[in-house]
Amino acid sequence: MGCDRVINYKKEDFKTILKKEYPKGVDIVFENVGGSSFTTCLNSIEKTHEHDPISFFF
């Protein structure tokens, strides 16, 4: 599994990047910041696929 794009949440805006570069949505999100970043990432998952959020808390 590869990674198409890494987003630096301290220097870039999630919503802007995701809307511009992935207008149809994304297939996989690895998000470990939480809060509004998590909500934005979850809402950016491509709507045509079934998806189940998986999370691990340590």
Protein backbone atom coordinates (compact mmCIF):
# COMPACT_ATOMS: atom_id res chain seq x y z
CA MET A 1 0.00 0.00 0.00
CA GLY A 2 1.35 3.39 -0.95
CA CYS A 3 0.50 6.94 -0.08
CA ASP A 4 -0.58 9.46 -2.70
CA ARG A 5 -0.40 12.56 -0.52
CA VAL A 6 0.61 13.55 2.98
CA ILE A 7 -1.05 16.64 4.46
CA ASN A 8 0.78 18.64 7.12
CA TYR A 9 -2.08 19.81 9.35
CA LYS A 10 0.07 22.59 10.81
CA LYS A 11 0.88 24.15 7.43
CA GLU A 12 -2.00 23.15 5.12
CA ASP A 13 -5.79 23.24 5.28
CA PHE A 14 -7.34 19.75 5.11
CA LYS A 15 -10.60 20.82 3.51
CA THR A 16 -8.93 22.87 0.78
CA ILE A 17 -6.44 20.13 -0.14
CA LEU A 18 -9.02 17.35 -0.13
CA LYS A 19 -11.58 19.25 -2.21
CA LYS A 20 -8.97 20.40 -4.74
CA GLU A 21 -6.90 17.23 -5.15
CA TYR A 22 -9.54 14.57 -4.46
CA PRO A 23 -12.90 15.94 -5.65
CA LYS A 24 -14.49 12.45 -5.74
CA GLY A 25 -13.24 11.59 -2.26
CA VAL A 26 -10.53 9.32 -0.91
CA ASP A 27 -10.43 5.56 -0.31
CA ILE A 28 -8.32 5.40 2.84
CA VAL A 29 -7.57 7.91 5.56
CA PHE A 30 -4.92 7.57 8.26
CA GLU A 31 -5.70 10.32 10.72
CA ASN A 32 -4.16 10.57 14.16
CA VAL A 33 -4.74 14.23 15.06
CA GLY A 34 -8.41 14.04 16.07
CA GLY A 35 -11.02 16.73 16.58
CA SER A 36 -12.08 18.70 13.51
CA SER A 37 -9.31 17.04 11.47
CA PHE A 38 -10.94 13.65 12.06
CA THR A 39 -14.38 14.94 11.04
CA THR A 40 -13.00 16.52 7.85
CA CYS A 41 -11.17 13.31 6.91
CA LEU A 42 -14.19 11.12 7.64
CA ASN A 43 -16.40 13.34 5.48
CA SER A 44 -13.88 13.13 2.61
CA ILE A 45 -14.21 9.36 2.14
CA GLU A 46 -15.58 8.53 -1.30
CA LYS A 47 -19.35 8.18 -1.01
CA THR A 48 -19.70 5.38 -3.57
CA HIS A 49 -17.92 2.83 -1.37
CA GLU A 50 -19.11 1.16 1.77
CA HIS A 51 -16.79 2.04 4.60
CA ASP A 52 -16.29 1.18 8.22
CA PRO A 53 -14.18 3.45 10.36
CA ILE A 54 -11.49 1.53 12.22
CA SER A 55 -9.70 3.13 15.13
CA PHE A 56 -7.20 2.07 17.70
CA PHE A 57 -6.54 3.91 20.93
CA PHE A 58 -3.43 3.22 22.96
